N, C-alpha and C. Protein backbone atom coordinates (compact mmCIF):
# COMPACT_ATOMS: atom_id res chain seq x y z
N MET A 1 -0.08 10.37 -16.45
CA MET A 1 0.88 9.53 -17.13
C MET A 1 1.90 9.03 -16.11
N ALA A 2 2.02 7.72 -15.97
CA ALA A 2 2.99 7.13 -15.06
C ALA A 2 4.34 7.03 -15.76
N THR A 3 5.41 7.29 -15.04
CA THR A 3 6.74 7.16 -15.65
C THR A 3 7.48 6.00 -15.04
N TRP A 4 8.38 5.46 -15.81
CA TRP A 4 9.19 4.32 -15.39
C TRP A 4 10.54 4.83 -14.93
N ASN A 5 11.04 4.28 -13.84
CA ASN A 5 12.40 4.55 -13.42
C ASN A 5 12.91 3.31 -12.70
N SER A 6 14.01 3.40 -11.98
CA SER A 6 14.62 2.21 -11.38
C SER A 6 13.70 1.52 -10.38
N ARG A 7 12.71 2.22 -9.83
CA ARG A 7 11.77 1.56 -8.91
C ARG A 7 11.03 0.42 -9.62
N GLY A 8 10.94 0.49 -10.94
CA GLY A 8 10.27 -0.54 -11.70
C GLY A 8 10.99 -1.89 -11.64
N LEU A 9 12.21 -1.91 -11.17
CA LEU A 9 12.95 -3.15 -11.08
C LEU A 9 12.69 -3.89 -9.78
N ARG A 10 11.96 -3.26 -8.85
CA ARG A 10 11.61 -3.96 -7.62
C ARG A 10 10.83 -5.20 -7.98
N GLY A 11 11.13 -6.31 -7.34
CA GLY A 11 10.42 -7.54 -7.62
C GLY A 11 11.01 -8.32 -8.77
N SER A 12 12.02 -7.76 -9.46
CA SER A 12 12.56 -8.47 -10.61
C SER A 12 13.26 -9.76 -10.20
N ALA A 13 13.82 -9.84 -9.00
CA ALA A 13 14.43 -11.09 -8.54
C ALA A 13 13.35 -12.15 -8.34
N LEU A 14 12.24 -11.78 -7.74
CA LEU A 14 11.13 -12.71 -7.57
C LEU A 14 10.61 -13.15 -8.94
N GLU A 15 10.44 -12.20 -9.83
CA GLU A 15 9.94 -12.55 -11.17
C GLU A 15 10.91 -13.47 -11.89
N ASP A 16 12.20 -13.28 -11.72
CA ASP A 16 13.18 -14.17 -12.34
C ASP A 16 13.01 -15.60 -11.82
N LEU A 17 12.81 -15.75 -10.51
CA LEU A 17 12.60 -17.08 -9.93
C LEU A 17 11.29 -17.70 -10.42
N ILE A 18 10.26 -16.89 -10.56
CA ILE A 18 8.98 -17.39 -11.09
C ILE A 18 9.16 -17.80 -12.56
N ASN A 19 9.88 -16.98 -13.33
CA ASN A 19 10.12 -17.31 -14.74
C ASN A 19 10.84 -18.65 -14.87
N ARG A 20 11.83 -18.88 -14.02
CA ARG A 20 12.56 -20.16 -14.06
C ARG A 20 11.64 -21.31 -13.69
N THR A 21 10.80 -21.11 -12.69
CA THR A 21 9.84 -22.14 -12.29
C THR A 21 8.87 -22.42 -13.43
N ASN A 22 8.37 -21.37 -14.07
CA ASN A 22 7.43 -21.54 -15.18
C ASN A 22 8.06 -22.29 -16.34
N GLU A 23 9.35 -22.06 -16.57
CA GLU A 23 10.06 -22.78 -17.63
C GLU A 23 10.13 -24.27 -17.30
N LYS A 24 10.38 -24.60 -16.04
CA LYS A 24 10.40 -26.01 -15.61
C LYS A 24 9.01 -26.63 -15.77
N TYR A 25 7.98 -25.89 -15.42
CA TYR A 25 6.61 -26.38 -15.58
C TYR A 25 6.33 -26.64 -17.07
N ARG A 26 6.78 -25.75 -17.94
CA ARG A 26 6.58 -25.94 -19.39
C ARG A 26 7.33 -27.17 -19.87
N GLU A 27 8.60 -27.30 -19.48
CA GLU A 27 9.42 -28.43 -19.91
C GLU A 27 8.82 -29.77 -19.48
N SER A 28 8.20 -29.79 -18.31
CA SER A 28 7.63 -31.04 -17.81
C SER A 28 6.17 -31.24 -18.24
N GLY A 29 5.63 -30.31 -19.01
CA GLY A 29 4.27 -30.44 -19.51
C GLY A 29 3.19 -30.16 -18.49
N LEU A 30 3.55 -29.52 -17.38
CA LEU A 30 2.57 -29.23 -16.34
C LEU A 30 1.75 -27.98 -16.62
N GLY A 31 2.35 -27.03 -17.31
CA GLY A 31 1.64 -25.79 -17.57
C GLY A 31 2.39 -24.90 -18.53
N LEU A 32 1.70 -23.93 -19.04
CA LEU A 32 2.30 -22.94 -19.92
C LEU A 32 1.88 -21.57 -19.40
N ILE A 33 2.79 -20.92 -18.70
CA ILE A 33 2.53 -19.62 -18.09
C ILE A 33 3.51 -18.62 -18.68
N GLN A 34 2.99 -17.49 -19.14
CA GLN A 34 3.83 -16.47 -19.76
C GLN A 34 3.83 -15.19 -18.94
N LYS A 35 4.97 -14.53 -18.92
CA LYS A 35 5.09 -13.21 -18.32
C LYS A 35 4.41 -12.23 -19.26
N VAL A 36 3.57 -11.39 -18.73
CA VAL A 36 2.87 -10.38 -19.53
C VAL A 36 3.75 -9.13 -19.57
N PRO A 37 4.22 -8.75 -20.75
CA PRO A 37 5.06 -7.55 -20.82
C PRO A 37 4.24 -6.29 -20.56
N THR A 38 4.86 -5.33 -19.90
CA THR A 38 4.21 -4.05 -19.65
C THR A 38 4.58 -3.11 -20.79
N PRO A 39 3.60 -2.67 -21.57
CA PRO A 39 3.91 -1.80 -22.70
C PRO A 39 4.36 -0.42 -22.23
N ILE A 40 5.51 0.02 -22.76
CA ILE A 40 6.04 1.35 -22.40
C ILE A 40 6.41 2.11 -23.66
N THR A 41 6.46 3.42 -23.53
CA THR A 41 6.96 4.29 -24.58
C THR A 41 8.22 4.97 -24.06
N PRO A 42 9.36 4.69 -24.68
CA PRO A 42 10.61 5.32 -24.21
C PRO A 42 10.59 6.84 -24.42
N ILE A 43 11.15 7.56 -23.46
CA ILE A 43 11.28 9.01 -23.55
C ILE A 43 12.76 9.37 -23.71
N LYS A 44 13.60 8.77 -22.87
CA LYS A 44 15.05 9.00 -22.95
C LYS A 44 15.76 7.66 -23.07
N ILE A 45 16.72 7.61 -23.98
CA ILE A 45 17.52 6.41 -24.17
C ILE A 45 18.99 6.79 -24.07
N ASP A 46 19.72 6.07 -23.22
CA ASP A 46 21.17 6.26 -23.10
C ASP A 46 21.79 5.47 -24.25
N LYS A 47 22.23 6.19 -25.30
CA LYS A 47 22.73 5.52 -26.50
C LYS A 47 24.04 4.78 -26.25
N GLU A 48 24.85 5.27 -25.33
CA GLU A 48 26.10 4.58 -25.02
C GLU A 48 25.85 3.27 -24.29
N GLN A 49 25.00 3.32 -23.28
CA GLN A 49 24.68 2.12 -22.49
C GLN A 49 23.63 1.26 -23.18
N ARG A 50 22.94 1.85 -24.16
CA ARG A 50 21.89 1.16 -24.92
C ARG A 50 20.76 0.66 -24.02
N HIS A 51 20.27 1.55 -23.16
CA HIS A 51 19.10 1.20 -22.36
C HIS A 51 18.21 2.43 -22.14
N ILE A 52 16.98 2.15 -21.81
CA ILE A 52 15.98 3.19 -21.59
C ILE A 52 16.20 3.76 -20.19
N THR A 53 16.28 5.07 -20.10
CA THR A 53 16.45 5.72 -18.79
C THR A 53 15.17 6.39 -18.30
N LEU A 54 14.23 6.65 -19.21
CA LEU A 54 12.95 7.25 -18.83
C LEU A 54 11.91 6.82 -19.85
N ALA A 55 10.75 6.41 -19.34
CA ALA A 55 9.66 5.98 -20.22
C ALA A 55 8.34 6.17 -19.49
N TYR A 56 7.24 6.07 -20.22
CA TYR A 56 5.94 6.07 -19.55
C TYR A 56 5.17 4.83 -19.99
N PHE A 57 4.28 4.39 -19.12
CA PHE A 57 3.47 3.22 -19.41
C PHE A 57 2.39 3.61 -20.41
N ASP A 58 2.25 2.81 -21.46
CA ASP A 58 1.25 3.08 -22.49
C ASP A 58 -0.17 2.88 -21.96
N GLN A 59 -0.34 1.87 -21.13
CA GLN A 59 -1.67 1.55 -20.60
C GLN A 59 -1.50 0.86 -19.26
N LYS A 60 -2.61 0.72 -18.56
CA LYS A 60 -2.57 0.01 -17.29
C LYS A 60 -2.30 -1.47 -17.56
N SER A 61 -1.37 -2.03 -16.82
CA SER A 61 -1.13 -3.46 -16.98
C SER A 61 -2.19 -4.21 -16.18
N THR A 62 -2.39 -5.46 -16.52
CA THR A 62 -3.39 -6.25 -15.82
C THR A 62 -2.71 -7.08 -14.73
N VAL A 63 -2.08 -8.16 -15.12
CA VAL A 63 -1.39 -9.04 -14.17
C VAL A 63 0.00 -9.34 -14.73
N ASP A 64 0.85 -9.90 -13.87
CA ASP A 64 2.21 -10.22 -14.31
C ASP A 64 2.28 -11.48 -15.17
N TYR A 65 1.41 -12.46 -14.88
CA TYR A 65 1.48 -13.76 -15.55
C TYR A 65 0.09 -14.24 -15.93
N ILE A 66 0.06 -14.98 -17.06
CA ILE A 66 -1.21 -15.56 -17.51
C ILE A 66 -0.89 -16.82 -18.31
N GLY A 67 -1.77 -17.80 -18.22
CA GLY A 67 -1.56 -19.02 -18.97
C GLY A 67 -2.52 -20.10 -18.53
N ALA A 68 -2.06 -21.36 -18.68
CA ALA A 68 -2.90 -22.50 -18.33
C ALA A 68 -2.06 -23.57 -17.65
N VAL A 69 -2.67 -24.21 -16.66
CA VAL A 69 -2.05 -25.33 -15.95
C VAL A 69 -2.98 -26.52 -16.13
N GLN A 70 -2.54 -27.48 -16.93
CA GLN A 70 -3.32 -28.68 -17.21
C GLN A 70 -4.77 -28.35 -17.56
N GLY A 71 -4.92 -27.38 -18.46
CA GLY A 71 -6.24 -27.01 -18.96
C GLY A 71 -6.98 -25.97 -18.13
N ILE A 72 -6.42 -25.58 -17.00
CA ILE A 72 -7.06 -24.58 -16.13
C ILE A 72 -6.44 -23.22 -16.41
N PRO A 73 -7.25 -22.24 -16.83
CA PRO A 73 -6.71 -20.89 -17.05
C PRO A 73 -6.30 -20.27 -15.70
N VAL A 74 -5.10 -19.70 -15.66
CA VAL A 74 -4.62 -19.04 -14.44
C VAL A 74 -4.03 -17.67 -14.79
N CYS A 75 -4.15 -16.78 -13.85
CA CYS A 75 -3.47 -15.49 -13.95
C CYS A 75 -3.04 -15.11 -12.54
N PHE A 76 -1.88 -14.47 -12.44
CA PHE A 76 -1.43 -14.05 -11.12
C PHE A 76 -0.48 -12.88 -11.22
N ASP A 77 -0.29 -12.26 -10.09
CA ASP A 77 0.61 -11.13 -9.95
C ASP A 77 1.61 -11.46 -8.86
N ALA A 78 2.84 -11.00 -9.03
CA ALA A 78 3.90 -11.23 -8.05
C ALA A 78 4.18 -9.93 -7.31
N LYS A 79 4.24 -10.02 -5.98
CA LYS A 79 4.48 -8.84 -5.14
C LYS A 79 5.53 -9.18 -4.10
N GLU A 80 6.24 -8.16 -3.65
CA GLU A 80 7.18 -8.32 -2.55
C GLU A 80 6.74 -7.42 -1.40
N CYS A 81 7.04 -7.88 -0.19
CA CYS A 81 6.68 -7.13 1.00
C CYS A 81 7.85 -7.22 1.98
N ALA A 82 8.32 -6.09 2.46
CA ALA A 82 9.49 -6.05 3.33
C ALA A 82 9.14 -5.96 4.81
N SER A 83 7.85 -6.09 5.14
CA SER A 83 7.45 -6.03 6.55
C SER A 83 6.29 -7.00 6.77
N ASP A 84 5.76 -7.03 7.98
CA ASP A 84 4.62 -7.89 8.27
C ASP A 84 3.30 -7.31 7.78
N THR A 85 3.33 -6.07 7.31
CA THR A 85 2.12 -5.41 6.84
C THR A 85 2.21 -5.20 5.33
N PHE A 86 1.24 -5.73 4.61
CA PHE A 86 1.16 -5.58 3.16
C PHE A 86 0.15 -4.48 2.84
N SER A 87 0.63 -3.41 2.23
CA SER A 87 -0.24 -2.29 1.88
C SER A 87 -1.01 -2.62 0.60
N LEU A 88 -2.31 -2.42 0.64
CA LEU A 88 -3.13 -2.67 -0.54
C LEU A 88 -2.90 -1.64 -1.64
N GLN A 89 -2.14 -0.59 -1.34
CA GLN A 89 -1.76 0.37 -2.37
C GLN A 89 -0.88 -0.29 -3.43
N ASN A 90 -0.29 -1.45 -3.11
CA ASN A 90 0.55 -2.19 -4.06
C ASN A 90 -0.28 -2.90 -5.12
N ILE A 91 -1.59 -2.90 -4.95
CA ILE A 91 -2.50 -3.54 -5.89
C ILE A 91 -3.44 -2.47 -6.42
N HIS A 92 -3.69 -2.51 -7.71
CA HIS A 92 -4.50 -1.47 -8.34
C HIS A 92 -5.90 -2.00 -8.65
N GLU A 93 -6.85 -1.09 -8.63
CA GLU A 93 -8.24 -1.48 -8.83
C GLU A 93 -8.45 -2.18 -10.17
N HIS A 94 -7.74 -1.74 -11.23
CA HIS A 94 -7.92 -2.39 -12.53
C HIS A 94 -7.43 -3.85 -12.48
N GLN A 95 -6.47 -4.16 -11.61
CA GLN A 95 -6.03 -5.55 -11.44
C GLN A 95 -7.12 -6.38 -10.77
N ILE A 96 -7.74 -5.80 -9.75
CA ILE A 96 -8.83 -6.49 -9.06
C ILE A 96 -9.97 -6.77 -10.04
N ILE A 97 -10.32 -5.78 -10.83
CA ILE A 97 -11.41 -5.95 -11.81
C ILE A 97 -11.04 -7.05 -12.82
N PHE A 98 -9.80 -7.02 -13.32
CA PHE A 98 -9.38 -8.04 -14.29
C PHE A 98 -9.45 -9.44 -13.67
N MET A 99 -8.92 -9.58 -12.45
CA MET A 99 -8.92 -10.89 -11.80
C MET A 99 -10.33 -11.38 -11.50
N GLU A 100 -11.19 -10.46 -11.11
CA GLU A 100 -12.60 -10.82 -10.87
C GLU A 100 -13.25 -11.32 -12.15
N ASP A 101 -13.04 -10.59 -13.24
CA ASP A 101 -13.59 -10.98 -14.53
C ASP A 101 -12.99 -12.30 -15.01
N PHE A 102 -11.70 -12.51 -14.76
CA PHE A 102 -11.02 -13.75 -15.13
C PHE A 102 -11.65 -14.94 -14.41
N GLU A 103 -11.94 -14.76 -13.14
CA GLU A 103 -12.56 -15.84 -12.36
C GLU A 103 -14.00 -16.11 -12.83
N LYS A 104 -14.70 -15.08 -13.27
CA LYS A 104 -16.06 -15.28 -13.81
C LYS A 104 -16.03 -16.13 -15.07
N GLN A 105 -14.87 -16.18 -15.74
CA GLN A 105 -14.71 -17.01 -16.94
C GLN A 105 -14.10 -18.38 -16.59
N GLN A 106 -14.24 -18.79 -15.34
CA GLN A 106 -13.77 -20.10 -14.85
C GLN A 106 -12.26 -20.19 -14.72
N GLY A 107 -11.58 -19.04 -14.68
CA GLY A 107 -10.14 -19.02 -14.45
C GLY A 107 -9.83 -18.94 -12.97
N VAL A 108 -8.57 -19.11 -12.63
CA VAL A 108 -8.11 -19.01 -11.25
C VAL A 108 -7.12 -17.86 -11.16
N SER A 109 -7.40 -16.92 -10.27
CA SER A 109 -6.54 -15.75 -10.06
C SER A 109 -5.93 -15.84 -8.67
N PHE A 110 -4.68 -15.40 -8.57
CA PHE A 110 -4.01 -15.41 -7.27
C PHE A 110 -2.82 -14.47 -7.29
N PHE A 111 -2.25 -14.28 -6.11
CA PHE A 111 -1.05 -13.47 -5.94
C PHE A 111 0.04 -14.36 -5.36
N ILE A 112 1.26 -14.13 -5.77
CA ILE A 112 2.40 -14.72 -5.09
C ILE A 112 3.10 -13.57 -4.39
N ILE A 113 3.17 -13.67 -3.08
CA ILE A 113 3.78 -12.60 -2.27
C ILE A 113 5.04 -13.15 -1.62
N HIS A 114 6.13 -12.43 -1.77
CA HIS A 114 7.37 -12.80 -1.10
C HIS A 114 7.57 -11.83 0.06
N TYR A 115 7.43 -12.37 1.27
CA TYR A 115 7.75 -11.58 2.46
C TYR A 115 9.26 -11.64 2.61
N THR A 116 9.94 -10.63 2.09
CA THR A 116 11.40 -10.67 1.97
C THR A 116 12.10 -10.73 3.33
N HIS A 117 11.57 -10.05 4.32
CA HIS A 117 12.21 -10.02 5.63
C HIS A 117 12.11 -11.37 6.35
N LYS A 118 11.18 -12.22 5.92
CA LYS A 118 11.03 -13.56 6.50
C LYS A 118 11.50 -14.63 5.52
N ASP A 119 11.81 -14.23 4.29
CA ASP A 119 12.10 -15.14 3.19
C ASP A 119 11.00 -16.19 3.09
N PHE A 120 9.77 -15.71 3.07
CA PHE A 120 8.59 -16.57 3.05
C PHE A 120 7.80 -16.29 1.77
N LEU A 121 7.59 -17.33 0.98
CA LEU A 121 6.79 -17.23 -0.24
C LEU A 121 5.36 -17.65 0.08
N TYR A 122 4.42 -16.91 -0.47
CA TYR A 122 3.03 -17.14 -0.13
C TYR A 122 2.13 -17.04 -1.37
N TYR A 123 1.24 -17.99 -1.49
CA TYR A 123 0.21 -18.01 -2.54
C TYR A 123 -1.07 -17.48 -1.89
N MET A 124 -1.57 -16.37 -2.40
CA MET A 124 -2.82 -15.83 -1.86
C MET A 124 -3.91 -15.96 -2.90
N PRO A 125 -4.90 -16.83 -2.63
CA PRO A 125 -6.03 -16.93 -3.55
C PRO A 125 -6.71 -15.57 -3.70
N PHE A 126 -7.20 -15.29 -4.89
CA PHE A 126 -7.85 -14.01 -5.14
C PHE A 126 -8.99 -13.77 -4.15
N ARG A 127 -9.78 -14.80 -3.86
CA ARG A 127 -10.93 -14.61 -2.95
C ARG A 127 -10.46 -14.16 -1.57
N ASN A 128 -9.29 -14.60 -1.14
CA ASN A 128 -8.77 -14.18 0.17
C ASN A 128 -8.33 -12.72 0.12
N LEU A 129 -7.65 -12.34 -0.96
CA LEU A 129 -7.24 -10.94 -1.08
C LEU A 129 -8.46 -10.04 -1.20
N LYS A 130 -9.48 -10.51 -1.87
CA LYS A 130 -10.70 -9.71 -2.06
C LYS A 130 -11.35 -9.36 -0.73
N VAL A 131 -11.23 -10.22 0.26
CA VAL A 131 -11.76 -9.92 1.59
C VAL A 131 -11.07 -8.67 2.15
N PHE A 132 -9.74 -8.63 2.02
CA PHE A 132 -8.98 -7.47 2.52
C PHE A 132 -9.29 -6.23 1.68
N TRP A 133 -9.41 -6.40 0.37
CA TRP A 133 -9.73 -5.29 -0.54
C TRP A 133 -11.08 -4.68 -0.18
N ASP A 134 -12.09 -5.56 0.01
CA ASP A 134 -13.43 -5.07 0.35
C ASP A 134 -13.44 -4.39 1.72
N ARG A 135 -12.68 -4.94 2.66
CA ARG A 135 -12.59 -4.32 3.99
C ARG A 135 -12.07 -2.88 3.86
N ALA A 136 -11.04 -2.70 3.04
CA ALA A 136 -10.47 -1.36 2.83
C ALA A 136 -11.48 -0.44 2.14
N LYS A 137 -12.18 -0.97 1.15
CA LYS A 137 -13.17 -0.17 0.41
C LYS A 137 -14.32 0.26 1.32
N ASN A 138 -14.58 -0.53 2.36
CA ASN A 138 -15.67 -0.21 3.29
C ASN A 138 -15.19 0.57 4.51
N GLY A 139 -14.02 1.20 4.39
CA GLY A 139 -13.52 2.07 5.45
C GLY A 139 -12.60 1.41 6.45
N GLY A 140 -12.29 0.13 6.25
CA GLY A 140 -11.38 -0.57 7.16
C GLY A 140 -9.92 -0.33 6.79
N ARG A 141 -9.06 -1.13 7.41
CA ARG A 141 -7.63 -0.99 7.17
C ARG A 141 -7.27 -1.14 5.70
N LYS A 142 -6.31 -0.36 5.26
CA LYS A 142 -5.86 -0.36 3.87
C LYS A 142 -4.67 -1.28 3.69
N SER A 143 -4.60 -2.29 4.55
CA SER A 143 -3.49 -3.25 4.52
C SER A 143 -3.97 -4.52 5.21
N PHE A 144 -3.12 -5.55 5.12
CA PHE A 144 -3.36 -6.74 5.94
C PHE A 144 -2.05 -7.17 6.55
N ARG A 145 -2.15 -7.82 7.69
CA ARG A 145 -0.96 -8.23 8.43
C ARG A 145 -0.65 -9.69 8.17
N PHE A 146 0.60 -10.05 8.31
CA PHE A 146 1.06 -11.42 8.10
C PHE A 146 0.23 -12.39 8.93
N GLU A 147 -0.14 -11.98 10.14
CA GLU A 147 -0.92 -12.84 11.03
C GLU A 147 -2.31 -13.18 10.46
N GLU A 148 -2.77 -12.39 9.50
CA GLU A 148 -4.10 -12.60 8.93
C GLU A 148 -4.12 -13.60 7.77
N ILE A 149 -2.96 -13.98 7.27
CA ILE A 149 -2.94 -14.86 6.10
C ILE A 149 -3.07 -16.32 6.51
N ASP A 150 -3.51 -17.13 5.58
CA ASP A 150 -3.70 -18.56 5.80
C ASP A 150 -2.40 -19.28 5.44
N LEU A 151 -1.64 -19.68 6.45
CA LEU A 151 -0.30 -20.22 6.25
C LEU A 151 -0.26 -21.55 5.49
N GLN A 152 -1.39 -22.22 5.34
CA GLN A 152 -1.37 -23.46 4.57
C GLN A 152 -1.04 -23.21 3.10
N TYR A 153 -1.08 -21.94 2.66
CA TYR A 153 -0.73 -21.58 1.29
C TYR A 153 0.74 -21.16 1.15
N GLY A 154 1.56 -21.46 2.13
CA GLY A 154 2.98 -21.17 2.03
C GLY A 154 3.60 -21.99 0.90
N ILE A 155 4.59 -21.41 0.25
CA ILE A 155 5.29 -22.07 -0.87
C ILE A 155 6.71 -22.38 -0.42
N VAL A 156 7.10 -23.65 -0.52
CA VAL A 156 8.44 -24.07 -0.11
C VAL A 156 9.20 -24.54 -1.35
N PRO A 157 10.35 -23.91 -1.66
CA PRO A 157 11.15 -24.37 -2.81
C PRO A 157 11.50 -25.85 -2.68
N LYS A 158 11.47 -26.56 -3.84
CA LYS A 158 11.77 -27.99 -3.82
C LYS A 158 12.14 -28.47 -5.22
N GLN A 159 12.85 -29.55 -5.30
CA GLN A 159 13.16 -30.25 -6.54
C GLN A 159 13.55 -29.33 -7.69
N GLY A 160 14.43 -28.38 -7.43
CA GLY A 160 14.89 -27.49 -8.48
C GLY A 160 13.88 -26.42 -8.88
N LEU A 161 12.77 -26.34 -8.17
CA LEU A 161 11.78 -25.30 -8.43
C LEU A 161 11.90 -24.22 -7.36
N PHE A 162 12.07 -23.00 -7.80
CA PHE A 162 12.29 -21.90 -6.87
C PHE A 162 10.99 -21.39 -6.24
N VAL A 163 9.92 -21.39 -7.03
CA VAL A 163 8.62 -20.91 -6.55
C VAL A 163 7.55 -21.92 -6.98
N PRO A 164 7.56 -23.12 -6.40
CA PRO A 164 6.62 -24.17 -6.83
C PRO A 164 5.20 -23.92 -6.30
N TYR A 165 4.46 -23.13 -7.06
CA TYR A 165 3.14 -22.71 -6.62
C TYR A 165 2.03 -23.69 -6.99
N LEU A 166 2.33 -24.76 -7.71
CA LEU A 166 1.26 -25.67 -8.14
C LEU A 166 0.62 -26.42 -6.98
N ASP A 167 1.37 -26.73 -5.93
CA ASP A 167 0.76 -27.37 -4.75
C ASP A 167 -0.28 -26.46 -4.12
N ALA A 168 0.05 -25.18 -4.01
CA ALA A 168 -0.89 -24.21 -3.44
C ALA A 168 -2.09 -24.02 -4.38
N LEU A 169 -1.84 -24.04 -5.68
CA LEU A 169 -2.94 -23.95 -6.64
C LEU A 169 -3.87 -25.15 -6.48
N GLN A 170 -3.29 -26.33 -6.30
CA GLN A 170 -4.10 -27.53 -6.11
C GLN A 170 -4.95 -27.42 -4.84
N LEU A 171 -4.35 -26.91 -3.77
CA LEU A 171 -5.10 -26.70 -2.52
C LEU A 171 -6.22 -25.68 -2.75
N ASP A 172 -5.92 -24.61 -3.47
CA ASP A 172 -6.91 -23.58 -3.79
C ASP A 172 -8.10 -24.21 -4.53
N LEU A 173 -7.81 -25.02 -5.54
CA LEU A 173 -8.88 -25.66 -6.31
C LEU A 173 -9.70 -26.61 -5.45
N LYS A 174 -9.01 -27.35 -4.58
CA LYS A 174 -9.68 -28.30 -3.68
C LYS A 174 -10.64 -27.56 -2.74
N LEU A 175 -10.17 -26.46 -2.16
CA LEU A 175 -10.99 -25.70 -1.22
C LEU A 175 -12.15 -24.99 -1.92
N ARG A 176 -11.96 -24.58 -3.17
CA ARG A 176 -13.04 -23.97 -3.97
C ARG A 176 -14.17 -24.95 -4.17
N ASP A 177 -13.77 -26.20 -4.43
CA ASP A 177 -14.74 -27.24 -4.72
C ASP A 177 -15.38 -27.82 -3.45
N GLY A 178 -14.96 -27.31 -2.29
CA GLY A 178 -15.55 -27.71 -1.03
C GLY A 178 -15.12 -29.08 -0.55
N GLU A 179 -13.98 -29.55 -1.05
CA GLU A 179 -13.50 -30.88 -0.59
C GLU A 179 -12.92 -30.81 0.78
């Protein structure tokens, strides 16, 4: 049984920026992406402060976000990394399985990674992450380095959008189709 504590708030700043971006995408009719809530069962509640101080996760979560962009089903997870090395321990096997199955249904799966020490936002297509995942499963490194990522998927804030990932999604779709 996994328990929730303040570590669960890591990444909440990134998620807030993604939520704001998703709201702009919805308002402009570009897409409808929803944050997937993580089901929890409260154990301890601070009645004075009116917040949960201890809880456990009811089930394994799948991804942070799911929805559609102009008719294309998408799902993604948001991660933060404070160094040049991203540990694959930050990703769970059930997430990989879900994303793989999602792509088999003609959806697009990806990760948004914020390299906090560089203030660099990155869109990682699922197929690229899967290369690192498979390498680790076959006895290789259990992480990947910043130098190994494809920088053309960098995300640059623009026009009131904090995490404008649609350009990277468009590039991902273009490269999938072999253009």
